[in-house]
Amino acid sequence: MRRFLWTRRRLIRAAAGAAALPLAHSVLAVVPTPATAGERWIELASTHTSEVVKVVYRNAAVYVPDALAQLDHVLRDHRSGGQIEMDRALYDLLADLAAAAGRDPCFEIISGYRSPATNAKLAAGSRGVSTRSLHMQGRAIDVRLKAYPTADLCDRALELQRGGVGYYQRSDFVHVDTGRVRRWAG
């Protein structure tokens, strides 16, 4: 009997995971909020492609592969189409950053992954782009937290002490990464 119940629970969980399949062309997945205990969710909206993905990306201590694939896709290099597996700690950092701000983790994405060619082109045109950017390793993201001041978001990111934080006031975004702790203004 115990074995049957365990299998039944697994089937119920699998069915719940199937509910996160794509629902529309521009919205990759939708999940009710808030997430149930032990789940972590995030919403990413690309400012360049207008794609939005909202998924439970982690159940308790286990990352959800299909959800991660959707997040990685929306964070692809919008110039080249190149895509890599983003650092999973980056998603946790964003969720924790939103929690520190007292907000739902709904972010506008300015830049996620950058191919080396894209990064070189951007670095050639601006002294504010590192030639060794963590964007090329999938360890950095430039964001805005919806309906939250970017200056305050920068402060919350600095308080977390979880990686690099750059504040770009003129462009109105915050860079966060999973590299060493450091700060700058662009």
N, C-alpha and C. Protein backbone atom coordinates (compact mmCIF):
# COMPACT_ATOMS: atom_id res chain seq x y z
N MET A 1 0.82 -1.20 0.00
CA MET A 1 0.00 0.00 0.00
C MET A 1 0.86 1.26 0.00
N ARG A 2 1.90 1.25 0.81
CA ARG A 2 2.77 2.42 0.88
C ARG A 2 3.43 2.70 -0.47
N ARG A 3 3.84 1.66 -1.16
CA ARG A 3 4.46 1.83 -2.48
C ARG A 3 3.47 2.45 -3.47
N PHE A 4 2.20 2.02 -3.42
CA PHE A 4 1.17 2.58 -4.29
C PHE A 4 0.98 4.07 -4.03
N LEU A 5 0.94 4.48 -2.76
CA LEU A 5 0.76 5.89 -2.43
C LEU A 5 1.94 6.72 -2.92
N TRP A 6 3.14 6.19 -2.77
CA TRP A 6 4.31 6.92 -3.23
C TRP A 6 4.25 7.11 -4.74
N THR A 7 3.88 6.08 -5.47
CA THR A 7 3.78 6.18 -6.92
C THR A 7 2.67 7.16 -7.30
N ARG A 8 1.56 7.12 -6.60
CA ARG A 8 0.45 8.03 -6.88
C ARG A 8 0.90 9.48 -6.68
N ARG A 9 1.64 9.74 -5.61
CA ARG A 9 2.14 11.09 -5.37
C ARG A 9 3.06 11.55 -6.50
N ARG A 10 3.90 10.65 -6.96
CA ARG A 10 4.79 11.00 -8.07
C ARG A 10 3.99 11.35 -9.32
N LEU A 11 2.93 10.60 -9.59
CA LEU A 11 2.08 10.89 -10.74
C LEU A 11 1.40 12.24 -10.61
N ILE A 12 0.94 12.57 -9.42
CA ILE A 12 0.31 13.86 -9.19
C ILE A 12 1.30 14.99 -9.41
N ARG A 13 2.52 14.81 -8.90
CA ARG A 13 3.56 15.83 -9.11
C ARG A 13 3.90 15.98 -10.59
N ALA A 14 3.98 14.88 -11.29
CA ALA A 14 4.28 14.93 -12.73
C ALA A 14 3.18 15.65 -13.48
N ALA A 15 1.94 15.40 -13.11
CA ALA A 15 0.82 16.08 -13.76
C ALA A 15 0.87 17.57 -13.49
N ALA A 16 1.24 17.94 -12.28
CA ALA A 16 1.36 19.36 -11.94
C ALA A 16 2.47 20.01 -12.76
N GLY A 17 3.55 19.29 -12.98
CA GLY A 17 4.64 19.82 -13.80
C GLY A 17 4.22 20.01 -15.24
N ALA A 18 3.36 19.15 -15.74
CA ALA A 18 2.88 19.27 -17.13
C ALA A 18 2.02 20.51 -17.31
N ALA A 19 1.45 21.01 -16.23
CA ALA A 19 0.61 22.20 -16.32
C ALA A 19 1.42 23.44 -16.67
N ALA A 20 2.74 23.36 -16.57
CA ALA A 20 3.59 24.51 -16.87
C ALA A 20 4.01 24.55 -18.33
N LEU A 21 3.34 23.84 -19.20
CA LEU A 21 3.67 23.85 -20.62
C LEU A 21 3.31 25.20 -21.24
N PRO A 22 3.91 25.57 -22.37
CA PRO A 22 3.64 26.85 -22.99
C PRO A 22 2.15 27.05 -23.26
N LEU A 23 1.68 28.29 -22.97
CA LEU A 23 0.27 28.59 -23.16
C LEU A 23 0.02 29.52 -24.33
N ALA A 24 0.99 30.34 -24.69
CA ALA A 24 0.82 31.28 -25.78
C ALA A 24 2.18 31.56 -26.40
N HIS A 25 2.19 32.18 -27.56
CA HIS A 25 3.44 32.43 -28.25
C HIS A 25 4.36 33.35 -27.46
N SER A 26 3.84 34.46 -26.94
CA SER A 26 4.71 35.39 -26.25
C SER A 26 4.83 35.09 -24.75
N VAL A 27 3.94 34.30 -24.21
CA VAL A 27 4.05 33.89 -22.81
C VAL A 27 4.42 32.42 -22.82
N LEU A 28 5.62 32.11 -22.36
CA LEU A 28 6.12 30.75 -22.46
C LEU A 28 5.48 29.82 -21.44
N ALA A 29 5.20 30.30 -20.25
CA ALA A 29 4.55 29.46 -19.24
C ALA A 29 3.97 30.35 -18.16
N VAL A 30 2.92 29.87 -17.52
CA VAL A 30 2.28 30.63 -16.46
C VAL A 30 2.14 29.74 -15.24
N VAL A 31 2.38 30.30 -14.08
CA VAL A 31 2.25 29.56 -12.84
C VAL A 31 1.49 30.43 -11.85
N PRO A 32 0.62 29.84 -11.05
CA PRO A 32 -0.08 30.65 -10.05
C PRO A 32 0.90 31.17 -9.01
N THR A 33 0.62 32.32 -8.45
CA THR A 33 1.46 32.87 -7.41
C THR A 33 0.62 33.08 -6.17
N PRO A 34 1.15 33.01 -4.98
CA PRO A 34 2.52 32.59 -4.72
C PRO A 34 2.70 31.09 -4.91
N ALA A 35 3.93 30.68 -5.07
CA ALA A 35 4.24 29.25 -5.22
C ALA A 35 3.98 28.53 -3.91
N THR A 36 3.75 27.24 -4.01
CA THR A 36 3.53 26.46 -2.79
C THR A 36 4.83 26.34 -2.02
N ALA A 37 4.73 25.94 -0.79
CA ALA A 37 5.89 25.84 0.09
C ALA A 37 7.01 25.05 -0.56
N GLY A 38 8.20 25.57 -0.51
CA GLY A 38 9.37 24.89 -1.05
C GLY A 38 9.61 25.15 -2.53
N GLU A 39 8.67 25.79 -3.21
CA GLU A 39 8.85 26.08 -4.63
C GLU A 39 9.38 27.50 -4.79
N ARG A 40 10.16 27.70 -5.84
CA ARG A 40 10.65 29.03 -6.19
C ARG A 40 10.22 29.32 -7.61
N TRP A 41 9.71 30.51 -7.83
CA TRP A 41 9.26 30.89 -9.17
C TRP A 41 9.89 32.23 -9.54
N ILE A 42 9.84 32.51 -10.84
CA ILE A 42 10.38 33.76 -11.34
C ILE A 42 9.68 34.10 -12.65
N GLU A 43 9.59 35.38 -12.92
CA GLU A 43 9.07 35.86 -14.21
C GLU A 43 10.13 36.72 -14.85
N LEU A 44 10.47 36.42 -16.09
CA LEU A 44 11.43 37.21 -16.85
C LEU A 44 10.76 37.70 -18.13
N ALA A 45 10.86 39.00 -18.38
CA ALA A 45 10.28 39.60 -19.58
C ALA A 45 11.41 40.29 -20.35
N SER A 46 11.66 39.82 -21.55
CA SER A 46 12.73 40.38 -22.37
C SER A 46 12.28 41.71 -22.98
N THR A 47 13.08 42.75 -22.77
CA THR A 47 12.76 44.05 -23.35
C THR A 47 13.05 44.09 -24.85
N HIS A 48 13.80 43.12 -25.35
CA HIS A 48 14.17 43.11 -26.77
C HIS A 48 13.28 42.22 -27.63
N THR A 49 12.82 41.11 -27.08
CA THR A 49 12.00 40.18 -27.87
C THR A 49 10.53 40.18 -27.45
N SER A 50 10.21 40.85 -26.36
CA SER A 50 8.86 40.90 -25.79
C SER A 50 8.37 39.54 -25.30
N GLU A 51 9.26 38.57 -25.18
CA GLU A 51 8.89 37.27 -24.63
C GLU A 51 8.82 37.38 -23.11
N VAL A 52 7.90 36.62 -22.54
CA VAL A 52 7.74 36.56 -21.10
C VAL A 52 7.70 35.10 -20.70
N VAL A 53 8.46 34.74 -19.68
CA VAL A 53 8.39 33.40 -19.13
C VAL A 53 8.17 33.54 -17.63
N LYS A 54 7.20 32.78 -17.13
CA LYS A 54 6.87 32.78 -15.71
C LYS A 54 6.72 31.32 -15.30
N VAL A 55 7.67 30.83 -14.51
CA VAL A 55 7.72 29.40 -14.18
C VAL A 55 8.15 29.16 -12.75
N VAL A 56 7.76 28.02 -12.23
CA VAL A 56 8.36 27.48 -11.02
C VAL A 56 9.65 26.81 -11.51
N TYR A 57 10.79 27.36 -11.13
CA TYR A 57 12.06 26.83 -11.63
C TYR A 57 12.73 25.87 -10.65
N ARG A 58 12.19 25.82 -9.42
CA ARG A 58 12.77 24.91 -8.43
C ARG A 58 11.68 24.42 -7.49
N ASN A 59 11.62 23.10 -7.32
CA ASN A 59 10.74 22.46 -6.35
C ASN A 59 11.61 22.04 -5.19
N ALA A 60 11.42 22.67 -4.03
CA ALA A 60 12.25 22.41 -2.85
C ALA A 60 13.71 22.59 -3.25
N ALA A 61 14.51 21.54 -3.24
CA ALA A 61 15.93 21.67 -3.56
C ALA A 61 16.27 21.17 -4.96
N VAL A 62 15.26 20.87 -5.78
CA VAL A 62 15.49 20.30 -7.10
C VAL A 62 15.07 21.30 -8.18
N TYR A 63 16.00 21.62 -9.08
CA TYR A 63 15.67 22.49 -10.19
C TYR A 63 14.80 21.74 -11.20
N VAL A 64 13.91 22.46 -11.87
CA VAL A 64 12.97 21.89 -12.83
C VAL A 64 13.56 22.08 -14.24
N PRO A 65 14.04 21.00 -14.87
CA PRO A 65 14.74 21.13 -16.16
C PRO A 65 13.96 21.86 -17.24
N ASP A 66 12.68 21.56 -17.43
CA ASP A 66 11.90 22.23 -18.47
C ASP A 66 11.79 23.73 -18.20
N ALA A 67 11.61 24.11 -16.95
CA ALA A 67 11.51 25.53 -16.59
C ALA A 67 12.84 26.23 -16.83
N LEU A 68 13.94 25.57 -16.47
CA LEU A 68 15.27 26.16 -16.70
C LEU A 68 15.52 26.36 -18.19
N ALA A 69 15.09 25.42 -19.00
CA ALA A 69 15.26 25.55 -20.45
C ALA A 69 14.50 26.77 -20.98
N GLN A 70 13.31 27.01 -20.44
CA GLN A 70 12.53 28.18 -20.86
C GLN A 70 13.21 29.48 -20.43
N LEU A 71 13.75 29.50 -19.21
CA LEU A 71 14.45 30.68 -18.74
C LEU A 71 15.70 30.93 -19.56
N ASP A 72 16.47 29.87 -19.82
CA ASP A 72 17.68 30.01 -20.65
C ASP A 72 17.35 30.55 -22.03
N HIS A 73 16.22 30.10 -22.57
CA HIS A 73 15.82 30.55 -23.91
C HIS A 73 15.51 32.04 -23.94
N VAL A 74 14.75 32.52 -22.97
CA VAL A 74 14.39 33.94 -22.96
C VAL A 74 15.62 34.81 -22.69
N LEU A 75 16.66 34.24 -22.06
CA LEU A 75 17.89 34.98 -21.78
C LEU A 75 18.94 34.84 -22.88
N ARG A 76 18.58 34.23 -24.00
CA ARG A 76 19.53 34.06 -25.10
C ARG A 76 20.01 35.41 -25.63
N ASP A 77 21.09 35.38 -26.37
CA ASP A 77 21.62 36.58 -27.02
C ASP A 77 20.62 36.97 -28.11
N HIS A 78 19.91 38.06 -27.92
CA HIS A 78 18.87 38.43 -28.89
C HIS A 78 19.46 38.91 -30.21
N ARG A 79 20.74 39.22 -30.25
CA ARG A 79 21.38 39.65 -31.48
C ARG A 79 21.78 38.46 -32.36
N SER A 80 22.37 37.45 -31.74
CA SER A 80 22.88 36.30 -32.52
C SER A 80 21.98 35.07 -32.42
N GLY A 81 21.12 35.03 -31.41
CA GLY A 81 20.31 33.84 -31.18
C GLY A 81 21.04 32.78 -30.37
N GLY A 82 22.31 33.03 -30.05
CA GLY A 82 23.08 32.08 -29.26
C GLY A 82 22.50 31.90 -27.87
N GLN A 83 22.62 30.69 -27.37
CA GLN A 83 22.05 30.36 -26.06
C GLN A 83 22.96 29.39 -25.35
N ILE A 84 23.08 29.54 -24.03
CA ILE A 84 23.83 28.60 -23.21
C ILE A 84 23.03 28.33 -21.94
N GLU A 85 23.50 27.39 -21.16
CA GLU A 85 22.90 27.12 -19.86
C GLU A 85 23.36 28.20 -18.89
N MET A 86 22.42 28.98 -18.39
CA MET A 86 22.75 30.04 -17.46
C MET A 86 23.07 29.44 -16.09
N ASP A 87 23.86 30.16 -15.31
CA ASP A 87 24.20 29.74 -13.95
C ASP A 87 22.92 29.69 -13.13
N ARG A 88 22.61 28.53 -12.57
CA ARG A 88 21.38 28.35 -11.80
C ARG A 88 21.35 29.25 -10.57
N ALA A 89 22.52 29.55 -10.02
CA ALA A 89 22.60 30.45 -8.86
C ALA A 89 22.10 31.85 -9.21
N LEU A 90 22.14 32.21 -10.48
CA LEU A 90 21.65 33.51 -10.92
C LEU A 90 20.14 33.62 -10.70
N TYR A 91 19.42 32.54 -10.97
CA TYR A 91 17.96 32.55 -10.75
C TYR A 91 17.64 32.67 -9.27
N ASP A 92 18.39 31.97 -8.43
CA ASP A 92 18.20 32.08 -6.99
C ASP A 92 18.54 33.49 -6.52
N LEU A 93 19.58 34.07 -7.07
CA LEU A 93 19.95 35.43 -6.72
C LEU A 93 18.82 36.40 -7.04
N LEU A 94 18.23 36.26 -8.22
CA LEU A 94 17.12 37.15 -8.61
C LEU A 94 15.92 36.97 -7.68
N ALA A 95 15.58 35.73 -7.37
CA ALA A 95 14.45 35.47 -6.46
C ALA A 95 14.72 36.07 -5.09
N ASP A 96 15.94 35.92 -4.60
CA ASP A 96 16.30 36.48 -3.29
C ASP A 96 16.34 38.00 -3.32
N LEU A 97 16.75 38.55 -4.44
CA LEU A 97 16.78 40.00 -4.60
C LEU A 97 15.36 40.57 -4.54
N ALA A 98 14.43 39.93 -5.23
CA ALA A 98 13.03 40.38 -5.18
C ALA A 98 12.48 40.26 -3.76
N ALA A 99 12.81 39.16 -3.09
CA ALA A 99 12.34 38.98 -1.71
C ALA A 99 12.90 40.07 -0.79
N ALA A 100 14.16 40.42 -0.99
CA ALA A 100 14.78 41.49 -0.18
C ALA A 100 14.09 42.82 -0.43
N ALA A 101 13.55 43.00 -1.64
CA ALA A 101 12.83 44.23 -1.99
C ALA A 101 11.36 44.15 -1.56
N GLY A 102 10.92 42.99 -1.09
CA GLY A 102 9.53 42.82 -0.70
C GLY A 102 8.59 42.75 -1.88
N ARG A 103 9.07 42.24 -3.03
CA ARG A 103 8.28 42.19 -4.26
C ARG A 103 8.25 40.78 -4.82
N ASP A 104 7.30 40.55 -5.71
CA ASP A 104 7.30 39.30 -6.48
C ASP A 104 8.49 39.34 -7.44
N PRO A 105 9.06 38.17 -7.77
CA PRO A 105 10.23 38.13 -8.65
C PRO A 105 9.85 38.28 -10.13
N CYS A 106 9.41 39.48 -10.50
CA CYS A 106 9.01 39.80 -11.87
C CYS A 106 10.00 40.81 -12.43
N PHE A 107 10.86 40.35 -13.32
CA PHE A 107 11.96 41.18 -13.81
C PHE A 107 11.84 41.47 -15.30
N GLU A 108 12.25 42.67 -15.68
CA GLU A 108 12.47 43.03 -17.07
C GLU A 108 13.94 42.76 -17.35
N ILE A 109 14.21 42.07 -18.45
CA ILE A 109 15.58 41.69 -18.80
C ILE A 109 16.10 42.60 -19.90
N ILE A 110 17.20 43.27 -19.63
CA ILE A 110 17.86 44.09 -20.62
C ILE A 110 18.90 43.27 -21.36
N SER A 111 19.65 42.45 -20.61
CA SER A 111 20.67 41.60 -21.22
C SER A 111 20.91 40.38 -20.34
N GLY A 112 20.93 39.22 -20.96
CA GLY A 112 21.27 37.98 -20.28
C GLY A 112 22.57 37.46 -20.88
N TYR A 113 22.48 36.33 -21.59
CA TYR A 113 23.66 35.78 -22.24
C TYR A 113 24.08 36.67 -23.40
N ARG A 114 25.39 36.82 -23.57
CA ARG A 114 25.97 37.49 -24.74
C ARG A 114 27.01 36.58 -25.35
N SER A 115 26.91 36.37 -26.63
CA SER A 115 27.95 35.59 -27.32
C SER A 115 29.24 36.40 -27.30
N PRO A 116 30.38 35.74 -27.44
CA PRO A 116 31.64 36.49 -27.50
C PRO A 116 31.65 37.54 -28.62
N ALA A 117 31.05 37.23 -29.76
CA ALA A 117 31.01 38.19 -30.87
C ALA A 117 30.17 39.41 -30.50
N THR A 118 29.02 39.18 -29.90
CA THR A 118 28.17 40.29 -29.47
C THR A 118 28.88 41.13 -28.42
N ASN A 119 29.50 40.48 -27.45
CA ASN A 119 30.19 41.21 -26.40
C ASN A 119 31.33 42.04 -26.97
N ALA A 120 32.09 41.49 -27.91
CA ALA A 120 33.20 42.23 -28.52
C ALA A 120 32.68 43.46 -29.25
N LYS A 121 31.57 43.31 -29.96
CA LYS A 121 30.97 44.44 -30.67
C LYS A 121 30.52 45.53 -29.69
N LEU A 122 29.88 45.12 -28.60
CA LEU A 122 29.43 46.09 -27.60
C LEU A 122 30.61 46.76 -26.89
N ALA A 123 31.65 45.98 -26.59
CA ALA A 123 32.83 46.52 -25.91
C ALA A 123 33.57 47.51 -26.80
N ALA A 124 33.57 47.27 -28.10
CA ALA A 124 34.24 48.18 -29.04
C ALA A 124 33.52 49.52 -29.10
N GLY A 125 32.22 49.52 -28.84
CA GLY A 125 31.44 50.75 -28.93
C GLY A 125 31.20 51.45 -27.61
N SER A 126 31.65 50.85 -26.51
CA SER A 126 31.39 51.44 -25.20
C SER A 126 32.46 51.03 -24.21
N ARG A 127 32.94 51.99 -23.44
CA ARG A 127 33.93 51.63 -22.41
C ARG A 127 33.26 51.00 -21.20
N GLY A 128 31.91 50.95 -21.17
CA GLY A 128 31.18 50.37 -20.05
C GLY A 128 30.95 48.87 -20.18
N VAL A 129 31.48 48.25 -21.24
CA VAL A 129 31.29 46.80 -21.45
C VAL A 129 32.64 46.11 -21.30
N SER A 130 32.73 45.18 -20.37
CA SER A 130 33.97 44.46 -20.13
C SER A 130 34.25 43.46 -21.24
N THR A 131 35.50 43.37 -21.64
CA THR A 131 35.88 42.37 -22.65
C THR A 131 35.87 40.97 -22.06
N ARG A 132 35.83 40.86 -20.73
CA ARG A 132 35.75 39.56 -20.05
C ARG A 132 34.43 39.42 -19.29
N SER A 133 33.38 39.96 -19.86
CA SER A 133 32.08 40.00 -19.21
C SER A 133 31.56 38.62 -18.80
N LEU A 134 30.98 38.56 -17.60
CA LEU A 134 30.36 37.31 -17.14
C LEU A 134 29.07 37.00 -17.91
N HIS A 135 28.58 37.95 -18.69
CA HIS A 135 27.43 37.67 -19.57
C HIS A 135 27.79 36.54 -20.55
N MET A 136 29.05 36.48 -20.98
CA MET A 136 29.47 35.45 -21.93
C MET A 136 29.52 34.06 -21.30
N GLN A 137 29.55 33.98 -19.99
CA GLN A 137 29.58 32.70 -19.27
C GLN A 137 28.21 32.33 -18.72
N GLY A 138 27.20 33.17 -18.98
CA GLY A 138 25.88 32.91 -18.42
C GLY A 138 25.81 33.14 -16.92
N ARG A 139 26.65 34.04 -16.44
CA ARG A 139 26.71 34.30 -14.99
C ARG A 139 26.32 35.73 -14.65
N ALA A 140 25.73 36.48 -15.61
CA ALA A 140 25.36 37.87 -15.37
C ALA A 140 24.06 38.20 -16.07
N ILE A 141 23.36 39.17 -15.51
CA ILE A 141 22.09 39.61 -16.08
C ILE A 141 21.88 41.08 -15.73
N ASP A 142 21.33 41.83 -16.68
CA ASP A 142 20.99 43.24 -16.47
C ASP A 142 19.48 43.31 -16.36
N VAL A 143 18.98 43.88 -15.25
CA VAL A 143 17.55 43.78 -14.94
C VAL A 143 16.96 45.06 -14.38
N ARG A 144 15.64 45.07 -14.41
CA ARG A 144 14.81 45.99 -13.64
C ARG A 144 13.79 45.10 -12.93
N LEU A 145 13.45 45.43 -11.70
CA LEU A 145 12.38 44.76 -10.98
C LEU A 145 11.13 45.59 -11.23
N LYS A 146 10.09 44.94 -11.75
CA LYS A 146 8.89 45.69 -12.13
C LYS A 146 8.34 46.51 -10.97
N ALA A 147 8.05 47.79 -11.27
CA ALA A 147 7.45 48.74 -10.33
C ALA A 147 8.31 48.94 -9.08
N TYR A 148 9.64 48.93 -9.28
CA TYR A 148 10.55 49.13 -8.16
C TYR A 148 11.72 49.99 -8.64
N PRO A 149 12.10 51.03 -7.91
CA PRO A 149 13.18 51.91 -8.36
C PRO A 149 14.51 51.16 -8.50
N THR A 150 15.21 51.40 -9.60
CA THR A 150 16.46 50.69 -9.83
C THR A 150 17.53 51.09 -8.82
N ALA A 151 17.52 52.32 -8.33
CA ALA A 151 18.50 52.72 -7.31
C ALA A 151 18.29 51.89 -6.04
N ASP A 152 17.04 51.66 -5.68
CA ASP A 152 16.76 50.83 -4.50
C ASP A 152 17.10 49.37 -4.77
N LEU A 153 16.87 48.91 -5.99
CA LEU A 153 17.23 47.54 -6.36
C LEU A 153 18.74 47.34 -6.24
N CYS A 154 19.49 48.32 -6.66
CA CYS A 154 20.95 48.27 -6.53
C CYS A 154 21.34 48.14 -5.05
N ASP A 155 20.71 48.93 -4.21
CA ASP A 155 21.00 48.86 -2.77
C ASP A 155 20.71 47.47 -2.21
N ARG A 156 19.58 46.89 -2.61
CA ARG A 156 19.23 45.54 -2.12
C ARG A 156 20.26 44.52 -2.62
N ALA A 157 20.69 44.64 -3.86
CA ALA A 157 21.69 43.72 -4.40
C ALA A 157 23.02 43.85 -3.67
N LEU A 158 23.41 45.07 -3.35
CA LEU A 158 24.65 45.27 -2.60
C LEU A 158 24.55 44.66 -1.21
N GLU A 159 23.40 44.77 -0.58
CA GLU A 159 23.20 44.20 0.75
C GLU A 159 23.33 42.68 0.75
N LEU A 160 22.93 42.04 -0.35
CA LEU A 160 23.01 40.57 -0.42
C LEU A 160 24.45 40.07 -0.44
N GLN A 161 25.38 40.87 -0.99
CA GLN A 161 26.79 40.47 -1.05
C GLN A 161 26.97 39.11 -1.73
N ARG A 162 26.33 38.93 -2.89
CA ARG A 162 26.35 37.63 -3.56
C ARG A 162 27.04 37.66 -4.92
N GLY A 163 27.69 38.76 -5.25
CA GLY A 163 28.37 38.85 -6.54
C GLY A 163 28.53 40.30 -6.95
N GLY A 164 28.82 40.51 -8.21
CA GLY A 164 29.01 41.86 -8.72
C GLY A 164 27.69 42.59 -8.90
N VAL A 165 27.74 43.90 -8.64
CA VAL A 165 26.56 44.75 -8.80
C VAL A 165 26.99 46.04 -9.49
N GLY A 166 26.38 46.31 -10.63
CA GLY A 166 26.62 47.55 -11.34
C GLY A 166 25.33 48.32 -11.48
N TYR A 167 25.39 49.63 -11.24
CA TYR A 167 24.20 50.46 -11.35
C TYR A 167 24.37 51.39 -12.55
N TYR A 168 23.44 51.30 -13.49
CA TYR A 168 23.45 52.09 -14.71
C TYR A 168 22.26 53.04 -14.67
N GLN A 169 22.47 54.19 -14.03
CA GLN A 169 21.37 55.12 -13.77
C GLN A 169 20.77 55.66 -15.07
N ARG A 170 21.59 56.08 -16.01
CA ARG A 170 21.06 56.65 -17.26
C ARG A 170 20.23 55.65 -18.05
N SER A 171 20.67 54.40 -18.08
CA SER A 171 19.94 53.37 -18.80
C SER A 171 18.88 52.69 -17.94
N ASP A 172 18.87 53.02 -16.65
CA ASP A 172 17.87 52.56 -15.69
C ASP A 172 17.83 51.03 -15.58
N PHE A 173 18.98 50.43 -15.24
CA PHE A 173 19.02 49.01 -14.93
C PHE A 173 20.14 48.70 -13.96
N VAL A 174 20.06 47.50 -13.39
CA VAL A 174 21.07 47.01 -12.46
C VAL A 174 21.66 45.73 -13.03
N HIS A 175 22.96 45.64 -13.03
CA HIS A 175 23.67 44.42 -13.42
C HIS A 175 23.93 43.63 -12.14
N VAL A 176 23.58 42.33 -12.16
CA VAL A 176 23.97 41.44 -11.07
C VAL A 176 24.65 40.22 -11.68
N ASP A 177 25.61 39.67 -10.97
CA ASP A 177 26.29 38.47 -11.45
C ASP A 177 26.69 37.59 -10.29
N THR A 178 27.13 36.39 -10.62
CA THR A 178 27.54 35.42 -9.60
C THR A 178 29.06 35.33 -9.48
N GLY A 179 29.74 36.39 -9.88
CA GLY A 179 31.19 36.47 -9.72
C GLY A 179 31.55 36.93 -8.32
N ARG A 180 32.77 37.43 -8.18
CA ARG A 180 33.21 37.92 -6.87
C ARG A 180 32.43 39.18 -6.51
N VAL A 181 32.36 39.48 -5.23
CA VAL A 181 31.64 40.65 -4.74
C VAL A 181 32.42 41.90 -5.14
N ARG A 182 31.75 42.81 -5.85
CA ARG A 182 32.33 44.08 -6.26
C ARG A 182 31.19 45.00 -6.67
N ARG A 183 31.48 46.27 -6.88
CA ARG A 183 30.44 47.21 -7.27
C ARG A 183 31.02 48.26 -8.20
N TRP A 184 30.14 48.86 -9.01
CA TRP A 184 30.53 49.95 -9.91
C TRP A 184 29.29 50.68 -10.37
N ALA A 185 29.51 51.83 -10.96
CA ALA A 185 28.44 52.62 -11.59
C ALA A 185 28.81 52.81 -13.04
N GLY A 186 27.83 52.68 -13.89
CA GLY A 186 28.09 52.80 -15.34
C GLY A 186 27.45 54.02 -15.93
